[in-house]
Each structure stands twice: as C-alpha cells, then as structure tokens.
Amino acid sequence: MLFGSCVAVLVLAVLFGGGTSIGFLGDAAAQAAAVPLLCVALWPMMERSGWDAQRRAIAVVFLSALAIVALQLLPLPFHIWSGGEKLLSRSGTAGIAPSTAWDTFSLTPQATWAAAVSLLVPLAVFSAVVRLDFQQRRMLCWIVLGLGVLSLVIGFLQVAQGPGSGLRFYSYTNLTEAVGFFANRNHFAALIVVSLVLVGYWSTMPKVGARPPASNLLLWAVIALTFVALVTGVMLARSRAGFFLAMLAIGGGAAIFFAARTQEDTGGRENRASSRAVATVAIIAMLFAVQFGIGRLLTRFEGDFVDDLRLRFAGATLQTAIKSLPFGTGLGSFVPVYSAVEKSDDVHPGYANRAHNDFAEIFLETGVIGAFVILAFLAWFSNRSWTVWKAPPVGEARDVTALNRTAVVILALLLAHSIVDYPLRTTALAAIFALFCGILAVPATYEVQPQPKPRRGRHHSRGEVKREAWASEIAWPEDWRRTGASS
C-alpha cells in the first residue's frame, strides 16, 4: 500500500505539477493525494519505539519545515520586527505590512499558508521513500525515467505542431520550444537532465553472464536510442542552463557506469565492448544533437549575460534579504516584496514571479533560519556524497551503491540549476528531489530473491536411467556392464 500510494503521488506530481506558481488545480490534486500517503508513511513510525535511521530522517525534515512555518505564521503579542514597514514603503507611503499589536513575521500570511501546503507533496514522498526497500526505490526511478520519456515525446509533438499546439497545457508558457508537462522550458530541460542520469544508471544493468549476449545487445540498443532522444530534447528546449547541465549529466552518467564496474568487470571481451559502447553512444548523441538541435540553441546565447534580467532579480533579492534580516519576509512573499523594492531601471513589461535563484529567494523569505537549514543540508549532502562515492562496488551492495551515486548526481544537478532558476518551486521537480533525498538519506535494504528449487519429477536424465538400469536386482554379466557404460 505504501509503495502504490507513493507511485500515485509521484505520477500525479510529474503529470500535473509543472506550473511555475502556486494554485494550479494539478498541484491541488497532488497535494490531496499526498495527505493519505503521509498518514500511511507516518502511522507505523508512531507505533514503534526507538530512533532508527528512518525515524531520525523524517523527524529532522518535518521539524525543520514545521519550525520555519510556525515561526512565520504564529501571531506574537508585540511587534518584534518592524523592518517590514520600512522595507516595503516608498516615498513615505505605507507598504503592505501595517503595524498591529498582534503580528506575524510573514508579511503575507496567506501566501505563507499556500507555500506551507505546497510542502505536502515532497514531505510525503520523502517519508515514504525512506521506508521502501531497494527494489521499490529502483522501480520509482524507472517510473521517473518513463515519465521523462513521455514528456519528451509530448515535447517533440509540441515543436512539430507549432505555437498553436493543443498539447501545451499552460496558458502562460514558451510557445516555440518543447516544454512537455511543464509551463517553462527550463523545468522541462531539468526533467530531461534527470532522465539522462537515470540512463547512466540504466547502463549498469547489463552484466556479463546474467543474461544472453543477444539480450545485452538489445538492451544496449534501447539505452542508446533513449540517450540520443533525450539529448535531442534538451536542444529542442533551447534552455541554456539545461544545455550545460546535460553535459554534466552525461559526465555523471559515465562516472556512474565506470564506478559500478568491479575488477571482474574490467577484463574480458564483452566488458571491453560495453565500455566502447558507452563511449560510442555518447559521441553519436553529441553529433546527432549538434546536427539537429544546436542551431536552435545557439540563438539563446546571442544576448549579453550581464543584461539578463535574472541576474538583476537575484542581485535585488540578495540586497533585500539583507535588509529583512533576521527573520525574512515570509514564505511566498517574493512577488509583493520585489514589486515594492524594484528599481526603476529594472522595470520590464512583465513581472518577476521568482528570483531565479532559489537560494537567494529562500534567504529573503526565511532569513537566518532558512540560511542555517540550507547550510546544514549542504553539509549533510557533501558528507553523504563522499561516503557513497568512496564505497567499493562489491557483492550485493553493488546495485545499491550505483543507485545512491545516481541520487548524488541528480541532487547535485538540481541544486546547481537552483542557482540560476527555480526548478524546485514546481511540484513535479520538488517531488523528484524528495525522492532522491529519501534514497540518499537512509541506506536501502537489499532483499535477495530466493531462487526456485528444481522440481523432482518422474523423468530422469539419460545418465541416471543408465545407472539405475545396471543397479537393478538382475545379475547382468560384467562384460555387458562395461560395454553399456562405455557406450
């Protein structure tokens, strides 16, 4: 039941959680499905005693989220921080935070409540994944890869049908690029990058002796086709961040493949052929992408990076965050806060929905507490990454280690993407991020599948029949026995 509920929430999140802001119906559906998943995941934890790894991981995540939300939403009997009025006032006029006797640290309490509800999906996915075994976690990874390929197919159709395609599911979206299930091409590219890393993990599956060479050859062909299609999808998205992250994802996938090989795997004709196959597939994918997609992507690099609006958003956000210390302006308060402090030189026809730097936006909205949580997470992530990558791939833990390394690469890429964009603000990518955090947080248990015992039937092999024939009660001549045995 736990695994099935987790699959349902993850699929709902990826299919319908690609919006760039809070309040879409698809987000609400995923959040509603996350509530029973949370109950199923947490109920057994409350019945047991002791603090095992699963309970510690869930407690740390929940207490961190609860502390931030409660501190921002609980009204206090006196106005501790009055910086909001000065921060959000212009030319002596009052801002959006009037002074009252009972007030919250959040300048936008309703938006903070909405942001708190959006945490249900990643919290539920994380709480469920830490309780799943290795086979179930790997199945979730294959589901994510399948959803990435499905989103890629939709992206191809969107580009083929043009701006008027009925497969664009959001009214405010990129009309000339592939976006898949998302409203933004950068977030579509992020899902493709995650899928590229999963293909690298997939390449560790063909093993010598585990299946016939013909089956391995067919599997390599499917992996190569999927890899080439995903790289082409990144080009069709025309995402600059996606392009650089895809290059890193290809390198990370290759590192996962070569690190998963044991000493027995390094020798032999078939293993050397698999290594050459990985390099050949990567080269073919690069050439194919250059041939069919590099022209569209190069047009995105014609502008000056210094004049890019996202750099101005991030700079203004950091300046405002420093002024809003120590408690921040509240989760979900970026839009009204930035519109109040936006410089006249940065005004543009649209509006800034995000800071395009998730670390700067978290710092603005949560203050020193959010900064402490981010630093603590990065320290934990660095320690776990070092532990996972130095673990030798031996025995039954080989597959578990390869999956943990895959989680490290995917989390690192999503964190790097968060420096220049806001992928984790979408329900889809937040759920995927929580999935791989759960995989990395608690080591998976590897249950060895029992091998079926051979059935004992009435029929025997030819050698057994011969031996039983000579072992009967009839006194056969010795010469006949030698003749029958030799024949």
Foldseek 3Di string as FASTA:
>chain_A
DLLVLLLVLLVLQQQQFFEPDFDDPSLVVSLVSLVVLQCVLCVVVVVDDDCDLLNVVLVVVVVLLVVLLCQQQFWDQACPDPLVQVLQDDPPDGGQADDDRTDGLASDNVLQVRVSSSCSQLSSSLSSLLPDFDVSLVVSLVVLLVLLVQLLVLQVVQQVVFQPDPSQPDPQADRNFRDRSHRYLLLNLLSLLLNLLVLLLVLQPDDPPPDDPVVVVVSLVVSLVSNLSSLLNLLRSLDPLSNVSSVLSLVLSLVLNVQLDDPVLVDDDVSVVSNVSSVVSVVVSVVSNVVPRVVSNVVSVPDDPVPDLLVVLLVQLQVSLVSSPAAANANSCVQSSCVSVPDPVSDDPDGDNDSQAQLSRQSRHGHPSSVVVVVVVVVVLVVLQVVLSVDHLDDPCSSLSSLLSSLSSSLVSVNVSNGRGNNCSTSNVVNVNSSSCSSSSHRRDDDDDDDDDDDDDPDDDPVVVLVVVCVDPDDDDPVVNVVVVVD
